[in-house]
Amino acid sequence: MTRPREGAWIGGVCAGLGARFGVSANVVRLLFVLSCLLPGPQVLIYLALWVIMPRR
């Protein structure tokens, strides 16, 4: 699981997760934005993945 250099918007986390699971990056982005409407640590998880996932 890596963050791509192309197709990345902010950190490339959603594009990397989409590539890993065979889903469009836009679908992952939409799910992330929708999940931010719910209470929880979504932004912290995104930031942690940004730090943990290596660049492709």
C-alpha atoms as a PDB file:
ATOM      1  CA  MET A   1       0.000   0.000   0.000  1.00  0.00           C
ATOM      2  CA  THR A   2       1.663   3.205  -1.207  1.00  0.00           C
ATOM      3  CA  ARG A   3       0.696   6.801  -1.960  1.00  0.00           C
ATOM      4  CA  PRO A   4       0.941   7.560  -5.695  1.00  0.00           C
ATOM      5  CA  ARG A   5       2.580  10.721  -6.986  1.00  0.00           C
ATOM      6  CA  GLU A   6      -0.007  11.147  -9.754  1.00  0.00           C
ATOM      7  CA  GLY A   7      -3.684  11.482  -8.967  1.00  0.00           C
ATOM      8  CA  ALA A   8      -3.035  12.584  -5.399  1.00  0.00           C
ATOM      9  CA  TRP A   9      -5.021  15.539  -4.103  1.00  0.00           C
ATOM     10  CA  ILE A  10      -3.826  16.312  -0.600  1.00  0.00           C
ATOM     11  CA  GLY A  11      -1.649  13.491   0.623  1.00  0.00           C
ATOM     12  CA  GLY A  12      -2.506  10.684  -1.760  1.00  0.00           C
ATOM     13  CA  VAL A  13      -3.946   8.511   0.990  1.00  0.00           C
ATOM     14  CA  CYS A  14      -7.336   8.026  -0.676  1.00  0.00           C
ATOM     15  CA  ALA A  15      -5.699   7.294  -4.040  1.00  0.00           C
ATOM     16  CA  GLY A  16      -3.421   4.732  -2.380  1.00  0.00           C
ATOM     17  CA  LEU A  17      -6.300   3.045  -0.573  1.00  0.00           C
ATOM     18  CA  GLY A  18      -8.356   3.001  -3.773  1.00  0.00           C
ATOM     19  CA  ALA A  19      -5.528   1.376  -5.712  1.00  0.00           C
ATOM     20  CA  ARG A  20      -4.970  -1.185  -2.948  1.00  0.00           C
ATOM     21  CA  PHE A  21      -8.604  -2.275  -2.798  1.00  0.00           C
ATOM     22  CA  GLY A  22      -9.413  -1.888  -6.508  1.00  0.00           C
ATOM     23  CA  VAL A  23     -11.827   1.013  -6.055  1.00  0.00           C
ATOM     24  CA  SER A  24     -11.801   4.428  -7.687  1.00  0.00           C
ATOM     25  CA  ALA A  25      -9.988   7.065  -5.657  1.00  0.00           C
ATOM     26  CA  ASN A  26     -13.027   9.319  -5.987  1.00  0.00           C
ATOM     27  CA  VAL A  27     -15.193   6.713  -4.266  1.00  0.00           C
ATOM     28  CA  VAL A  28     -12.730   6.515  -1.375  1.00  0.00           C
ATOM     29  CA  ARG A  29     -12.652  10.327  -1.168  1.00  0.00           C
ATOM     30  CA  LEU A  30     -16.443  10.480  -1.108  1.00  0.00           C
ATOM     31  CA  LEU A  31     -16.607   7.850   1.635  1.00  0.00           C
ATOM     32  CA  PHE A  32     -14.026   9.756   3.653  1.00  0.00           C
ATOM     33  CA  VAL A  33     -15.927  13.032   3.371  1.00  0.00           C
ATOM     34  CA  LEU A  34     -19.178  11.313   4.325  1.00  0.00           C
ATOM     35  CA  SER A  35     -17.493   9.620   7.272  1.00  0.00           C
ATOM     36  CA  CYS A  36     -16.320  13.022   8.533  1.00  0.00           C
ATOM     37  CA  LEU A  37     -19.974  13.860   9.152  1.00  0.00           C
ATOM     38  CA  LEU A  38     -19.994  11.171  11.848  1.00  0.00           C
ATOM     39  CA  PRO A  39     -18.187  11.601  15.146  1.00  0.00           C
ATOM     40  CA  GLY A  40     -14.850   9.869  15.354  1.00  0.00           C
ATOM     41  CA  PRO A  41     -11.122  10.147  14.678  1.00  0.00           C
ATOM     42  CA  GLN A  42     -11.293  10.080  10.860  1.00  0.00           C
ATOM     43  CA  VAL A  43      -8.989  13.057  10.352  1.00  0.00           C
ATOM     44  CA  LEU A  44      -6.429  11.656  12.788  1.00  0.00           C
ATOM     45  CA  ILE A  45      -6.486   8.309  10.962  1.00  0.00           C
ATOM     46  CA  TYR A  46      -5.988  10.109   7.638  1.00  0.00           C
ATOM     47  CA  LEU A  47      -3.011  12.027   9.039  1.00  0.00           C
ATOM     48  CA  ALA A  48      -1.523   8.838  10.496  1.00  0.00           C
ATOM     49  CA  LEU A  49      -1.853   7.057   7.146  1.00  0.00           C
ATOM     50  CA  TRP A  50      -0.262  10.061   5.442  1.00  0.00           C
ATOM     51  CA  VAL A  51       2.785   9.652   7.680  1.00  0.00           C
ATOM     52  CA  ILE A  52       2.892   5.816   7.606  1.00  0.00           C
ATOM     53  CA  MET A  53       2.235   5.122   3.903  1.00  0.00           C
ATOM     54  CA  PRO A  54       5.382   5.483   1.776  1.00  0.00           C
ATOM     55  CA  ARG A  55       5.445   7.346  -1.537  1.00  0.00           C
ATOM     56  CA  ARG A  56       5.326   5.186  -4.648  1.00  0.00           C
END
